[in-house]
Amino acid sequence: MKRLLIIFNLVCSLLAVLLPLALYLNTGTIENSFSSYHGTTAENILTYSLLTVALSFILTENIVSGLLLVGIVVFNMHEYKIIHNLLACTFFGYATYNIIKDKRYRYIGLAMIFFAILIPVITLYWYEVIALFCLALYGFLYSLKKLKIEINKQIK
C-alpha cells in the first residue's frame, strides 16, 4: 500500500507540472492566475487537477496543505475573492514553510520565497507556475526518497 501511495504522489507531481500547459492548451490564453481559469473551458481541468493534488497531500499526512487546496477550489476567486485569496496565500506560505523545514530540500523553499518577492515583476501567474514546479519537484524528490527506502526495506 505504501508503494502505491508513493507512486500516486509521483503521478500527482507530474500532473502539477503539466497543469499550466493543459490550461493553456485548453483555452489558448494565459490568464492572470490559475484561479482565473475558473469559469473558462478549462475549469474542469483546474478543479480536478487541484483536487487530485489535494488528495495526494492528504494521503501523505500533509492534511493542512490538502485542505487549504480544497478550500481554494471550493471558494473560487470570482464568488469568494477574499476567502480564496487568503486560502491561496496561506497554502503557498504553509507549503513553503514545510519545504524549508526539510533541510535536504530547503533550497526549493528558498526559491519559492525569492520568486514570491518578484511577483510584481513576473506576475502572479508566472509565480504560480514556478511555485507549482517547486512543489512538484519537492514532492517528486521526497517520493523518490521514500520509494528507495521502501525498496531497501523489502530487499533486507
N, C-alpha and C. Protein backbone atom coordinates (compact mmCIF):
# COMPACT_ATOMS: atom_id res chain seq x y z
N MET A 1 0.82 -1.20 0.00
CA MET A 1 0.00 0.00 0.00
C MET A 1 0.86 1.26 0.00
N LYS A 2 1.96 1.24 0.78
CA LYS A 2 2.84 2.41 0.82
C LYS A 2 3.41 2.74 -0.55
N ARG A 3 3.81 1.70 -1.27
CA ARG A 3 4.36 1.93 -2.60
C ARG A 3 3.34 2.56 -3.53
N LEU A 4 2.10 2.12 -3.43
CA LEU A 4 1.04 2.66 -4.27
C LEU A 4 0.83 4.15 -3.98
N LEU A 5 0.86 4.53 -2.71
CA LEU A 5 0.73 5.94 -2.34
C LEU A 5 1.90 6.76 -2.86
N ILE A 6 3.09 6.19 -2.78
CA ILE A 6 4.28 6.89 -3.28
C ILE A 6 4.17 7.10 -4.78
N ILE A 7 3.75 6.07 -5.50
CA ILE A 7 3.59 6.19 -6.95
C ILE A 7 2.50 7.21 -7.28
N PHE A 8 1.40 7.21 -6.51
CA PHE A 8 0.35 8.21 -6.70
C PHE A 8 0.91 9.62 -6.53
N ASN A 9 1.77 9.81 -5.53
CA ASN A 9 2.40 11.13 -5.32
C ASN A 9 3.31 11.51 -6.48
N LEU A 10 4.03 10.55 -7.02
CA LEU A 10 4.87 10.83 -8.18
C LEU A 10 4.01 11.26 -9.36
N VAL A 11 2.89 10.59 -9.58
CA VAL A 11 1.98 10.94 -10.67
C VAL A 11 1.40 12.34 -10.44
N CYS A 12 1.04 12.64 -9.20
CA CYS A 12 0.50 13.96 -8.87
C CYS A 12 1.53 15.06 -9.09
N SER A 13 2.79 14.77 -8.84
CA SER A 13 3.85 15.75 -9.10
C SER A 13 3.91 16.05 -10.60
N LEU A 14 3.82 15.01 -11.40
CA LEU A 14 3.81 15.20 -12.86
C LEU A 14 2.57 15.98 -13.29
N LEU A 15 1.43 15.63 -12.73
CA LEU A 15 0.18 16.32 -13.03
C LEU A 15 0.30 17.81 -12.72
N ALA A 16 0.89 18.15 -11.59
CA ALA A 16 1.05 19.55 -11.20
C ALA A 16 1.92 20.30 -12.19
N VAL A 17 2.99 19.67 -12.65
CA VAL A 17 3.89 20.32 -13.61
C VAL A 17 3.18 20.55 -14.95
N LEU A 18 2.31 19.63 -15.33
CA LEU A 18 1.62 19.73 -16.62
C LEU A 18 0.38 20.64 -16.58
N LEU A 19 -0.07 21.02 -15.39
CA LEU A 19 -1.28 21.82 -15.27
C LEU A 19 -1.23 23.12 -16.08
N PRO A 20 -0.19 23.94 -15.97
CA PRO A 20 -0.18 25.19 -16.77
C PRO A 20 -0.30 24.93 -18.27
N LEU A 21 0.38 23.90 -18.75
CA LEU A 21 0.30 23.56 -20.17
C LEU A 21 -1.11 23.13 -20.55
N ALA A 22 -1.73 22.31 -19.72
CA ALA A 22 -3.10 21.84 -20.00
C ALA A 22 -4.07 23.01 -20.02
N LEU A 23 -3.92 23.95 -19.09
CA LEU A 23 -4.80 25.12 -19.06
C LEU A 23 -4.63 25.96 -20.32
N TYR A 24 -3.38 26.16 -20.72
CA TYR A 24 -3.10 26.95 -21.92
C TYR A 24 -3.62 26.26 -23.17
N LEU A 25 -3.35 24.97 -23.30
CA LEU A 25 -3.79 24.25 -24.50
C LEU A 25 -5.32 24.22 -24.61
N ASN A 26 -6.00 24.19 -23.47
CA ASN A 26 -7.46 24.15 -23.49
C ASN A 26 -8.07 25.49 -23.87
N THR A 27 -7.46 26.59 -23.40
CA THR A 27 -8.06 27.91 -23.61
C THR A 27 -7.34 28.75 -24.66
N GLY A 28 -6.07 28.46 -24.89
CA GLY A 28 -5.28 29.28 -25.81
C GLY A 28 -4.87 30.62 -25.21
N THR A 29 -5.08 30.77 -23.89
CA THR A 29 -4.71 32.03 -23.24
C THR A 29 -3.93 31.77 -21.96
N ILE A 30 -3.19 32.78 -21.57
CA ILE A 30 -2.54 32.79 -20.26
C ILE A 30 -3.30 33.82 -19.43
N GLU A 31 -3.93 33.37 -18.38
CA GLU A 31 -4.73 34.24 -17.53
C GLU A 31 -3.84 34.94 -16.50
N ASN A 32 -4.45 35.75 -15.64
CA ASN A 32 -3.70 36.46 -14.59
C ASN A 32 -3.21 35.53 -13.50
N SER A 33 -3.92 34.43 -13.28
CA SER A 33 -3.55 33.44 -12.28
C SER A 33 -4.25 32.14 -12.65
N PHE A 34 -3.88 31.06 -11.99
CA PHE A 34 -4.58 29.79 -12.25
C PHE A 34 -6.05 29.92 -11.91
N SER A 35 -6.35 30.62 -10.85
CA SER A 35 -7.73 30.78 -10.40
C SER A 35 -8.60 31.49 -11.43
N SER A 36 -7.98 32.28 -12.29
CA SER A 36 -8.73 32.99 -13.33
C SER A 36 -9.29 32.03 -14.38
N TYR A 37 -8.84 30.80 -14.40
CA TYR A 37 -9.36 29.82 -15.35
C TYR A 37 -10.73 29.29 -14.90
N HIS A 38 -11.13 29.63 -13.66
CA HIS A 38 -12.47 29.26 -13.22
C HIS A 38 -13.46 30.03 -14.09
N GLY A 39 -14.43 29.33 -14.61
CA GLY A 39 -15.41 29.96 -15.50
C GLY A 39 -15.03 29.89 -16.96
N THR A 40 -13.87 29.31 -17.27
CA THR A 40 -13.47 29.12 -18.67
C THR A 40 -13.68 27.66 -19.05
N THR A 41 -13.33 27.33 -20.28
CA THR A 41 -13.46 25.93 -20.73
C THR A 41 -12.50 25.01 -19.99
N ALA A 42 -11.50 25.59 -19.31
CA ALA A 42 -10.51 24.79 -18.58
C ALA A 42 -10.87 24.62 -17.11
N GLU A 43 -12.05 25.04 -16.71
CA GLU A 43 -12.43 24.98 -15.30
C GLU A 43 -12.35 23.55 -14.75
N ASN A 44 -12.84 22.57 -15.49
CA ASN A 44 -12.79 21.19 -15.00
C ASN A 44 -11.36 20.68 -14.87
N ILE A 45 -10.51 21.04 -15.80
CA ILE A 45 -9.09 20.64 -15.73
C ILE A 45 -8.48 21.19 -14.44
N LEU A 46 -8.72 22.48 -14.19
CA LEU A 46 -8.19 23.12 -13.00
C LEU A 46 -8.74 22.46 -11.74
N THR A 47 -10.05 22.31 -11.67
CA THR A 47 -10.70 21.76 -10.48
C THR A 47 -10.22 20.36 -10.17
N TYR A 48 -10.28 19.46 -11.15
CA TYR A 48 -9.91 18.07 -10.89
C TYR A 48 -8.42 17.90 -10.64
N SER A 49 -7.60 18.70 -11.29
CA SER A 49 -6.16 18.63 -11.03
C SER A 49 -5.84 19.06 -9.60
N LEU A 50 -6.41 20.18 -9.18
CA LEU A 50 -6.15 20.66 -7.82
C LEU A 50 -6.70 19.72 -6.76
N LEU A 51 -7.87 19.14 -7.01
CA LEU A 51 -8.43 18.19 -6.05
C LEU A 51 -7.60 16.91 -5.97
N THR A 52 -7.06 16.48 -7.10
CA THR A 52 -6.20 15.29 -7.10
C THR A 52 -4.92 15.56 -6.32
N VAL A 53 -4.32 16.72 -6.54
CA VAL A 53 -3.11 17.09 -5.80
C VAL A 53 -3.44 17.24 -4.31
N ALA A 54 -4.61 17.81 -4.00
CA ALA A 54 -5.03 17.94 -2.59
C ALA A 54 -5.14 16.57 -1.94
N LEU A 55 -5.71 15.60 -2.66
CA LEU A 55 -5.82 14.24 -2.14
C LEU A 55 -4.43 13.66 -1.88
N SER A 56 -3.51 13.94 -2.77
CA SER A 56 -2.13 13.48 -2.59
C SER A 56 -1.53 14.04 -1.29
N PHE A 57 -1.76 15.33 -1.04
CA PHE A 57 -1.28 15.93 0.21
C PHE A 57 -1.91 15.24 1.41
N ILE A 58 -3.21 15.05 1.37
CA ILE A 58 -3.93 14.47 2.50
C ILE A 58 -3.46 13.04 2.77
N LEU A 59 -3.27 12.25 1.73
CA LEU A 59 -2.84 10.87 1.89
C LEU A 59 -1.41 10.75 2.42
N THR A 60 -0.61 11.78 2.21
CA THR A 60 0.77 11.76 2.72
C THR A 60 0.88 12.51 4.04
N GLU A 61 -0.26 12.65 4.70
CA GLU A 61 -0.32 13.25 6.03
C GLU A 61 0.06 14.73 6.05
N ASN A 62 -0.04 15.40 4.91
CA ASN A 62 0.10 16.84 4.86
C ASN A 62 -1.32 17.40 4.72
N ILE A 63 -2.10 17.10 5.75
CA ILE A 63 -3.55 17.36 5.72
C ILE A 63 -3.85 18.85 5.58
N VAL A 64 -3.09 19.70 6.26
CA VAL A 64 -3.36 21.14 6.21
C VAL A 64 -3.23 21.65 4.78
N SER A 65 -2.15 21.30 4.09
CA SER A 65 -1.98 21.74 2.70
C SER A 65 -3.11 21.21 1.83
N GLY A 66 -3.47 19.96 2.02
CA GLY A 66 -4.55 19.37 1.23
C GLY A 66 -5.87 20.08 1.45
N LEU A 67 -6.20 20.37 2.70
CA LEU A 67 -7.47 21.06 3.00
C LEU A 67 -7.46 22.50 2.49
N LEU A 68 -6.32 23.17 2.59
CA LEU A 68 -6.21 24.52 2.03
C LEU A 68 -6.46 24.50 0.52
N LEU A 69 -5.90 23.51 -0.15
CA LEU A 69 -6.09 23.40 -1.60
C LEU A 69 -7.55 23.10 -1.94
N VAL A 70 -8.20 22.26 -1.16
CA VAL A 70 -9.63 22.00 -1.36
C VAL A 70 -10.41 23.31 -1.17
N GLY A 71 -10.05 24.07 -0.16
CA GLY A 71 -10.71 25.36 0.07
C GLY A 71 -10.53 26.32 -1.09
N ILE A 72 -9.36 26.32 -1.69
CA ILE A 72 -9.09 27.17 -2.85
C ILE A 72 -10.03 26.81 -4.00
N VAL A 73 -10.27 25.52 -4.17
CA VAL A 73 -11.17 25.07 -5.23
C VAL A 73 -12.62 25.42 -4.89
N VAL A 74 -13.04 25.13 -3.68
CA VAL A 74 -14.44 25.34 -3.29
C VAL A 74 -14.79 26.83 -3.29
N PHE A 75 -13.90 27.66 -2.77
CA PHE A 75 -14.14 29.09 -2.71
C PHE A 75 -13.43 29.77 -3.89
N ASN A 76 -14.04 29.67 -5.07
CA ASN A 76 -13.40 30.22 -6.26
C ASN A 76 -13.26 31.74 -6.15
N MET A 77 -12.33 32.28 -6.92
CA MET A 77 -12.00 33.69 -6.76
C MET A 77 -13.06 34.63 -7.30
N HIS A 78 -13.94 34.15 -8.13
CA HIS A 78 -14.97 35.03 -8.69
C HIS A 78 -16.10 35.29 -7.70
N GLU A 79 -16.44 34.31 -6.90
CA GLU A 79 -17.54 34.46 -5.96
C GLU A 79 -17.07 34.75 -4.53
N TYR A 80 -15.87 34.32 -4.19
CA TYR A 80 -15.36 34.44 -2.81
C TYR A 80 -13.93 34.98 -2.82
N LYS A 81 -13.74 36.11 -3.44
CA LYS A 81 -12.39 36.62 -3.70
C LYS A 81 -11.51 36.69 -2.44
N ILE A 82 -12.02 37.29 -1.36
CA ILE A 82 -11.20 37.47 -0.15
C ILE A 82 -10.85 36.12 0.46
N ILE A 83 -11.84 35.24 0.63
CA ILE A 83 -11.58 33.92 1.20
C ILE A 83 -10.61 33.14 0.31
N HIS A 84 -10.86 33.18 -0.98
CA HIS A 84 -10.00 32.46 -1.93
C HIS A 84 -8.55 32.95 -1.82
N ASN A 85 -8.37 34.26 -1.85
CA ASN A 85 -7.01 34.80 -1.80
C ASN A 85 -6.32 34.50 -0.48
N LEU A 86 -7.06 34.55 0.63
CA LEU A 86 -6.48 34.20 1.93
C LEU A 86 -6.04 32.73 1.95
N LEU A 87 -6.91 31.85 1.43
CA LEU A 87 -6.56 30.42 1.38
C LEU A 87 -5.34 30.18 0.48
N ALA A 88 -5.30 30.86 -0.67
CA ALA A 88 -4.18 30.67 -1.60
C ALA A 88 -2.87 31.15 -0.98
N CYS A 89 -2.89 32.33 -0.36
CA CYS A 89 -1.67 32.84 0.29
C CYS A 89 -1.23 31.91 1.42
N THR A 90 -2.19 31.44 2.19
CA THR A 90 -1.88 30.53 3.29
C THR A 90 -1.32 29.22 2.76
N PHE A 91 -1.92 28.71 1.68
CA PHE A 91 -1.43 27.46 1.08
C PHE A 91 0.03 27.60 0.65
N PHE A 92 0.32 28.64 -0.13
CA PHE A 92 1.70 28.78 -0.62
C PHE A 92 2.67 29.06 0.52
N GLY A 93 2.25 29.86 1.50
CA GLY A 93 3.11 30.13 2.65
C GLY A 93 3.37 28.88 3.48
N TYR A 94 2.33 28.12 3.75
CA TYR A 94 2.46 26.90 4.55
C TYR A 94 3.30 25.86 3.81
N ALA A 95 3.05 25.70 2.52
CA ALA A 95 3.83 24.73 1.73
C ALA A 95 5.30 25.12 1.69
N THR A 96 5.56 26.40 1.52
CA THR A 96 6.95 26.89 1.50
C THR A 96 7.61 26.63 2.85
N TYR A 97 6.90 26.92 3.94
CA TYR A 97 7.42 26.69 5.29
C TYR A 97 7.78 25.21 5.48
N ASN A 98 6.90 24.32 5.05
CA ASN A 98 7.16 22.89 5.20
C ASN A 98 8.38 22.44 4.40
N ILE A 99 8.56 22.99 3.24
CA ILE A 99 9.72 22.62 2.43
C ILE A 99 11.00 23.15 3.09
N ILE A 100 10.96 24.37 3.58
CA ILE A 100 12.15 24.95 4.22
C ILE A 100 12.54 24.17 5.47
N LYS A 101 11.56 23.61 6.19
CA LYS A 101 11.86 22.80 7.38
C LYS A 101 12.67 21.55 7.03
N ASP A 102 12.53 21.05 5.82
CA ASP A 102 13.26 19.86 5.38
C ASP A 102 14.62 20.31 4.86
N LYS A 103 15.64 20.15 5.67
CA LYS A 103 16.96 20.69 5.35
C LYS A 103 17.51 20.19 4.02
N ARG A 104 17.15 18.97 3.63
CA ARG A 104 17.65 18.42 2.37
C ARG A 104 17.15 19.20 1.17
N TYR A 105 15.96 19.78 1.29
CA TYR A 105 15.34 20.44 0.14
C TYR A 105 15.04 21.91 0.40
N ARG A 106 15.70 22.47 1.39
CA ARG A 106 15.47 23.87 1.77
C ARG A 106 15.61 24.82 0.58
N TYR A 107 16.54 24.53 -0.32
CA TYR A 107 16.77 25.40 -1.47
C TYR A 107 15.51 25.57 -2.33
N ILE A 108 14.65 24.58 -2.35
CA ILE A 108 13.41 24.69 -3.13
C ILE A 108 12.47 25.71 -2.47
N GLY A 109 12.36 25.66 -1.17
CA GLY A 109 11.54 26.63 -0.44
C GLY A 109 12.10 28.05 -0.56
N LEU A 110 13.41 28.16 -0.50
CA LEU A 110 14.03 29.48 -0.66
C LEU A 110 13.77 30.05 -2.05
N ALA A 111 13.76 29.19 -3.06
CA ALA A 111 13.43 29.64 -4.42
C ALA A 111 11.99 30.16 -4.47
N MET A 112 11.10 29.49 -3.77
CA MET A 112 9.70 29.94 -3.74
C MET A 112 9.58 31.32 -3.10
N ILE A 113 10.34 31.56 -2.04
CA ILE A 113 10.33 32.88 -1.40
C ILE A 113 10.90 33.93 -2.34
N PHE A 114 12.01 33.60 -2.98
CA PHE A 114 12.66 34.54 -3.91
C PHE A 114 11.69 34.96 -5.01
N PHE A 115 11.00 33.99 -5.60
CA PHE A 115 10.09 34.32 -6.70
C PHE A 115 8.81 34.99 -6.19
N ALA A 116 8.42 34.74 -4.95
CA ALA A 116 7.27 35.44 -4.37
C ALA A 116 7.57 36.93 -4.26
N ILE A 117 8.79 37.25 -3.91
CA ILE A 117 9.20 38.65 -3.82
C ILE A 117 9.13 39.31 -5.20
N LEU A 118 9.34 38.53 -6.24
CA LEU A 118 9.35 39.06 -7.61
C LEU A 118 7.96 39.12 -8.26
N ILE A 119 6.91 38.78 -7.54
CA ILE A 119 5.56 38.76 -8.14
C ILE A 119 5.23 40.07 -8.87
N PRO A 120 5.55 41.24 -8.32
CA PRO A 120 5.23 42.47 -9.07
C PRO A 120 5.92 42.54 -10.44
N VAL A 121 7.03 41.87 -10.58
CA VAL A 121 7.78 41.90 -11.84
C VAL A 121 7.36 40.75 -12.76
N ILE A 122 7.21 39.55 -12.20
CA ILE A 122 6.95 38.37 -13.05
C ILE A 122 5.46 38.05 -13.17
N THR A 123 4.60 38.66 -12.44
CA THR A 123 3.16 38.47 -12.36
C THR A 123 2.80 37.23 -11.54
N LEU A 124 1.57 37.26 -11.04
CA LEU A 124 1.09 36.18 -10.18
C LEU A 124 1.05 34.85 -10.93
N TYR A 125 0.61 34.89 -12.18
CA TYR A 125 0.52 33.64 -12.96
C TYR A 125 1.88 32.95 -13.02
N TRP A 126 2.93 33.68 -13.36
CA TRP A 126 4.25 33.04 -13.51
C TRP A 126 4.81 32.62 -12.16
N TYR A 127 4.46 33.36 -11.09
CA TYR A 127 4.86 32.88 -9.77
C TYR A 127 4.19 31.53 -9.50
N GLU A 128 2.91 31.42 -9.80
CA GLU A 128 2.20 30.16 -9.55
C GLU A 128 2.79 29.02 -10.37
N VAL A 129 3.19 29.30 -11.60
CA VAL A 129 3.84 28.27 -12.42
C VAL A 129 5.14 27.82 -11.75
N ILE A 130 5.95 28.78 -11.32
CA ILE A 130 7.23 28.45 -10.68
C ILE A 130 6.99 27.74 -9.34
N ALA A 131 6.06 28.26 -8.54
CA ALA A 131 5.78 27.65 -7.23
C ALA A 131 5.24 26.24 -7.40
N LEU A 132 4.38 26.03 -8.39
CA LEU A 132 3.86 24.70 -8.65
C LEU A 132 4.98 23.75 -9.06
N PHE A 133 5.90 24.25 -9.88
CA PHE A 133 7.05 23.44 -10.27
C PHE A 133 7.89 23.10 -9.04
N CYS A 134 8.10 24.08 -8.15
CA CYS A 134 8.88 23.83 -6.93
C CYS A 134 8.18 22.80 -6.04
N LEU A 135 6.87 22.94 -5.86
CA LEU A 135 6.12 21.98 -5.06
C LEU A 135 6.18 20.59 -5.68
N ALA A 136 6.06 20.53 -7.01
CA ALA A 136 6.13 19.23 -7.69
C ALA A 136 7.52 18.63 -7.58
N LEU A 137 8.55 19.46 -7.71
CA LEU A 137 9.92 18.97 -7.58
C LEU A 137 10.15 18.41 -6.18
N TYR A 138 9.71 19.14 -5.17
CA TYR A 138 9.84 18.67 -3.80
C TYR A 138 9.08 17.35 -3.63
N GLY A 139 7.84 17.31 -4.08
CA GLY A 139 7.03 16.09 -3.97
C GLY A 139 7.68 14.92 -4.68
N PHE A 140 8.24 15.19 -5.85
CA PHE A 140 8.89 14.15 -6.64
C PHE A 140 10.13 13.63 -5.93
N LEU A 141 11.01 14.54 -5.49
CA LEU A 141 12.25 14.13 -4.81
C LEU A 141 11.94 13.41 -3.49
N TYR A 142 10.98 13.93 -2.75
CA TYR A 142 10.61 13.32 -1.48
C TYR A 142 10.02 11.92 -1.71
N SER A 143 9.18 11.79 -2.72
CA SER A 143 8.57 10.49 -3.03
C SER A 143 9.61 9.48 -3.50
N LEU A 144 10.57 9.93 -4.31
CA LEU A 144 11.64 9.03 -4.74
C LEU A 144 12.45 8.53 -3.55
N LYS A 145 12.71 9.43 -2.61
CA LYS A 145 13.44 9.05 -1.39
C LYS A 145 12.65 7.99 -0.62
N LYS A 146 11.35 8.22 -0.45
CA LYS A 146 10.51 7.25 0.26
C LYS A 146 10.43 5.92 -0.48
N LEU A 147 10.36 5.97 -1.80
CA LEU A 147 10.31 4.75 -2.59
C LEU A 147 11.60 3.95 -2.44
N LYS A 148 12.72 4.65 -2.43
CA LYS A 148 14.02 3.99 -2.24
C LYS A 148 14.06 3.30 -0.87
N ILE A 149 13.56 3.98 0.14
CA ILE A 149 13.53 3.40 1.50
C ILE A 149 12.66 2.15 1.51
N GLU A 150 11.49 2.20 0.88
CA GLU A 150 10.58 1.05 0.82
C GLU A 150 11.22 -0.14 0.08
N ILE A 151 11.90 0.15 -1.01
CA ILE A 151 12.56 -0.91 -1.77
C ILE A 151 13.68 -1.54 -0.95
N ASN A 152 14.46 -0.71 -0.25
CA ASN A 152 15.53 -1.21 0.59
C ASN A 152 15.00 -2.06 1.75
N LYS A 153 13.85 -1.69 2.31
CA LYS A 153 13.22 -2.50 3.36
C LYS A 153 12.84 -3.88 2.83
N GLN A 154 12.32 -3.91 1.63
CA GLN A 154 11.87 -5.17 1.05
C GLN A 154 13.05 -6.06 0.70
N ILE A 155 14.16 -5.49 0.30
CA ILE A 155 15.34 -6.26 -0.07
C ILE A 155 15.94 -6.91 1.17
N LYS A 156 15.93 -6.21 2.29
CA LYS A 156 16.56 -6.72 3.52
C LYS A 156 15.79 -7.83 4.09
